[in-house]
């Protein structure tokens, strides 16, 4: 199968595992991606969560972080001969989320280690 942007970011079996890891506690991955034929549709239809909380901040930035890190990881594999490592990719996604939402200084009482170990608890808040 020819690699397209949509295939890589939305439909690739490995990418689906990543989407499922991050979203399954909130919404069905199949439901989330079923109506997204292109990345723009995914972003336009991303379920919004309005409550002002750490978990909701993570959720609202999540699709951008997944798309960015999947793309970067693909390039690392293709151009730098890196090996696929799902745990590393998921931790990179969490790392960029932590950075984008301002880390501990903007989120007192929340720590990066909680992002690594308690993802499903945080996004359900």
C-alpha atoms as a PDB file:
ATOM      1  CA  UNK A   1       0.000   0.000   0.000  1.00  0.00           C
ATOM      2  CA  UNK A   2       1.275   3.428  -0.891  1.00  0.00           C
ATOM      3  CA  UNK A   3       1.850   5.626   2.125  1.00  0.00           C
ATOM      4  CA  UNK A   4      -0.309   8.717   2.171  1.00  0.00           C
ATOM      5  CA  UNK A   5      -0.555  11.313   4.891  1.00  0.00           C
ATOM      6  CA  UNK A   6      -4.046  10.115   5.811  1.00  0.00           C
ATOM      7  CA  UNK A   7      -2.937   6.499   5.918  1.00  0.00           C
ATOM      8  CA  UNK A   8       0.045   7.294   8.135  1.00  0.00           C
ATOM      9  CA  UNK A   9      -1.790   9.615  10.529  1.00  0.00           C
ATOM     10  CA  UNK A  10      -5.249   8.025  10.657  1.00  0.00           C
ATOM     11  CA  UNK A  11      -5.446   4.506   9.245  1.00  0.00           C
ATOM     12  CA  UNK A  12      -2.099   2.784   9.716  1.00  0.00           C
ATOM     13  CA  UNK A  13      -2.448  -0.182  12.106  1.00  0.00           C
ATOM     14  CA  UNK A  14       0.390   1.113  14.304  1.00  0.00           C
ATOM     15  CA  UNK A  15      -1.095   4.602  14.414  1.00  0.00           C
ATOM     16  CA  UNK A  16      -4.483   3.125  15.336  1.00  0.00           C
ATOM     17  CA  UNK A  17      -2.845   1.475  18.348  1.00  0.00           C
ATOM     18  CA  UNK A  18      -1.539   4.893  19.400  1.00  0.00           C
ATOM     19  CA  UNK A  19      -4.923   6.590  18.908  1.00  0.00           C
ATOM     20  CA  UNK A  20      -6.579   3.800  20.885  1.00  0.00           C
ATOM     21  CA  UNK A  21      -4.065   4.036  23.734  1.00  0.00           C
ATOM     22  CA  UNK A  22      -4.755   7.741  24.192  1.00  0.00           C
ATOM     23  CA  UNK A  23      -8.500   7.900  23.515  1.00  0.00           C
ATOM     24  CA  UNK A  24     -10.113   4.571  24.489  1.00  0.00           C
ATOM     25  CA  UNK A  25     -10.923   5.708  28.036  1.00  0.00           C
ATOM     26  CA  UNK A  26     -12.956   8.630  26.680  1.00  0.00           C
ATOM     27  CA  UNK A  27     -14.337   7.604  23.280  1.00  0.00           C
ATOM     28  CA  UNK A  28     -14.224   4.645  20.911  1.00  0.00           C
ATOM     29  CA  UNK A  29     -11.271   4.981  18.564  1.00  0.00           C
ATOM     30  CA  UNK A  30     -13.323   3.478  15.740  1.00  0.00           C
ATOM     31  CA  UNK A  31     -16.037   6.090  16.305  1.00  0.00           C
ATOM     32  CA  UNK A  32     -13.466   8.871  16.540  1.00  0.00           C
ATOM     33  CA  UNK A  33     -11.729   7.970  13.282  1.00  0.00           C
ATOM     34  CA  UNK A  34     -14.745   6.648  11.336  1.00  0.00           C
ATOM     35  CA  UNK A  35     -15.775  10.083  10.102  1.00  0.00           C
ATOM     36  CA  UNK A  36     -12.259  11.314   9.443  1.00  0.00           C
ATOM     37  CA  UNK A  37     -11.152  10.674   5.887  1.00  0.00           C
ATOM     38  CA  UNK A  38      -8.629  13.471   6.112  1.00  0.00           C
ATOM     39  CA  UNK A  39      -6.734  15.004   9.018  1.00  0.00           C
ATOM     40  CA  UNK A  40      -8.712  18.243   8.761  1.00  0.00           C
ATOM     41  CA  UNK A  41     -11.948  16.341   9.446  1.00  0.00           C
ATOM     42  CA  UNK A  42     -10.454  14.707  12.522  1.00  0.00           C
ATOM     43  CA  UNK A  43      -9.433  18.071  13.931  1.00  0.00           C
ATOM     44  CA  UNK A  44     -12.768  19.712  13.079  1.00  0.00           C
ATOM     45  CA  UNK A  45     -14.731  16.871  14.693  1.00  0.00           C
ATOM     46  CA  UNK A  46     -12.510  16.334  17.729  1.00  0.00           C
ATOM     47  CA  UNK A  47     -14.798  16.018  20.783  1.00  0.00           C
ATOM     48  CA  UNK A  48     -14.543  19.250  22.747  1.00  0.00           C
ATOM     49  CA  UNK A  49     -14.386  19.249  26.512  1.00  0.00           C
ATOM     50  CA  UNK A  50     -15.107  22.605  28.074  1.00  0.00           C
ATOM     51  CA  UNK A  51     -14.459  21.980  31.757  1.00  0.00           C
ATOM     52  CA  UNK A  52     -11.327  23.796  32.886  1.00  0.00           C
ATOM     53  CA  UNK A  53      -9.103  21.003  34.143  1.00  0.00           C
ATOM     54  CA  UNK A  54      -5.681  19.539  33.570  1.00  0.00           C
ATOM     55  CA  UNK A  55      -7.194  16.458  31.898  1.00  0.00           C
ATOM     56  CA  UNK A  56      -9.265  18.570  29.537  1.00  0.00           C
ATOM     57  CA  UNK A  57      -6.246  20.644  28.560  1.00  0.00           C
ATOM     58  CA  UNK A  58      -4.440  17.415  27.700  1.00  0.00           C
ATOM     59  CA  UNK A  59      -7.455  16.177  25.744  1.00  0.00           C
ATOM     60  CA  UNK A  60      -7.840  19.361  23.722  1.00  0.00           C
ATOM     61  CA  UNK A  61      -4.186  19.330  22.618  1.00  0.00           C
ATOM     62  CA  UNK A  62      -4.033  15.555  22.155  1.00  0.00           C
ATOM     63  CA  UNK A  63      -4.821  15.215  18.430  1.00  0.00           C
ATOM     64  CA  UNK A  64      -2.147  17.754  17.522  1.00  0.00           C
ATOM     65  CA  UNK A  65       0.420  16.006  19.695  1.00  0.00           C
ATOM     66  CA  UNK A  66      -0.366  12.590  18.228  1.00  0.00           C
ATOM     67  CA  UNK A  67      -0.221  13.873  14.658  1.00  0.00           C
ATOM     68  CA  UNK A  68       3.035  15.738  15.268  1.00  0.00           C
ATOM     69  CA  UNK A  69       4.875  12.929  17.045  1.00  0.00           C
ATOM     70  CA  UNK A  70       3.661  10.217  14.644  1.00  0.00           C
ATOM     71  CA  UNK A  71       4.980  12.334  11.765  1.00  0.00           C
ATOM     72  CA  UNK A  72       8.306  13.009  13.526  1.00  0.00           C
ATOM     73  CA  UNK A  73       8.651   9.330  14.467  1.00  0.00           C
ATOM     74  CA  UNK A  74       7.959   8.243  10.903  1.00  0.00           C
ATOM     75  CA  UNK A  75      10.697  10.568   9.695  1.00  0.00           C
ATOM     76  CA  UNK A  76      13.086   9.248  12.355  1.00  0.00           C
ATOM     77  CA  UNK A  77      12.447   5.712  11.094  1.00  0.00           C
ATOM     78  CA  UNK A  78      12.732   6.567   7.394  1.00  0.00           C
ATOM     79  CA  UNK A  79      15.607   9.044   7.456  1.00  0.00           C
ATOM     80  CA  UNK A  80      17.580   8.207  10.606  1.00  0.00           C
ATOM     81  CA  UNK A  81      17.133   4.421  10.539  1.00  0.00           C
ATOM     82  CA  UNK A  82      15.485   4.397  13.970  1.00  0.00           C
ATOM     83  CA  UNK A  83      13.388   1.418  15.018  1.00  0.00           C
ATOM     84  CA  UNK A  84       9.686   1.501  15.796  1.00  0.00           C
ATOM     85  CA  UNK A  85       9.125   1.740  19.546  1.00  0.00           C
ATOM     86  CA  UNK A  86       5.509   2.319  20.559  1.00  0.00           C
ATOM     87  CA  UNK A  87       6.297   3.052  24.208  1.00  0.00           C
ATOM     88  CA  UNK A  88       8.802   5.709  23.159  1.00  0.00           C
ATOM     89  CA  UNK A  89       6.318   7.274  20.741  1.00  0.00           C
ATOM     90  CA  UNK A  90       3.606   7.407  23.427  1.00  0.00           C
ATOM     91  CA  UNK A  91       6.023   8.960  25.915  1.00  0.00           C
ATOM     92  CA  UNK A  92       7.091  11.539  23.330  1.00  0.00           C
ATOM     93  CA  UNK A  93       3.434  12.448  22.824  1.00  0.00           C
ATOM     94  CA  UNK A  94       3.033  12.892  26.573  1.00  0.00           C
ATOM     95  CA  UNK A  95       6.230  14.947  26.689  1.00  0.00           C
ATOM     96  CA  UNK A  96       5.100  17.360  24.000  1.00  0.00           C
ATOM     97  CA  UNK A  97       1.693  17.686  25.671  1.00  0.00           C
ATOM     98  CA  UNK A  98       3.406  18.530  28.974  1.00  0.00           C
ATOM     99  CA  UNK A  99       5.521  21.146  27.219  1.00  0.00           C
ATOM    100  CA  UNK A 100       2.601  22.649  25.284  1.00  0.00           C
ATOM    101  CA  UNK A 101       0.371  23.038  28.340  1.00  0.00           C
ATOM    102  CA  UNK A 102       3.096  24.728  30.344  1.00  0.00           C
ATOM    103  CA  UNK A 103       4.410  21.962  32.570  1.00  0.00           C
ATOM    104  CA  UNK A 104       4.261  22.185  36.342  1.00  0.00           C
ATOM    105  CA  UNK A 105       4.533  25.983  36.444  1.00  0.00           C
ATOM    106  CA  UNK A 106       1.157  26.350  34.687  1.00  0.00           C
ATOM    107  CA  UNK A 107      -0.384  23.242  36.244  1.00  0.00           C
ATOM    108  CA  UNK A 108       0.420  23.225  39.970  1.00  0.00           C
ATOM    109  CA  UNK A 109      -0.156  19.896  41.653  1.00  0.00           C
ATOM    110  CA  UNK A 110       0.287  17.984  38.409  1.00  0.00           C
ATOM    111  CA  UNK A 111       3.540  16.279  37.588  1.00  0.00           C
ATOM    112  CA  UNK A 112       4.994  14.779  34.445  1.00  0.00           C
ATOM    113  CA  UNK A 113       5.336  11.397  36.149  1.00  0.00           C
ATOM    114  CA  UNK A 114       1.533  11.343  36.530  1.00  0.00           C
ATOM    115  CA  UNK A 115       1.201  11.918  32.808  1.00  0.00           C
ATOM    116  CA  UNK A 116       3.445   8.904  32.188  1.00  0.00           C
ATOM    117  CA  UNK A 117       1.864   6.548  34.717  1.00  0.00           C
ATOM    118  CA  UNK A 118      -1.766   7.690  35.086  1.00  0.00           C
ATOM    119  CA  UNK A 119      -2.853   8.779  31.604  1.00  0.00           C
ATOM    120  CA  UNK A 120      -6.296   7.161  31.681  1.00  0.00           C
ATOM    121  CA  UNK A 121      -7.111   8.690  35.073  1.00  0.00           C
ATOM    122  CA  UNK A 122      -6.054  12.181  33.989  1.00  0.00           C
ATOM    123  CA  UNK A 123      -8.070  12.315  30.770  1.00  0.00           C
ATOM    124  CA  UNK A 124     -11.244  11.077  32.457  1.00  0.00           C
ATOM    125  CA  UNK A 125     -11.221  13.972  34.952  1.00  0.00           C
END
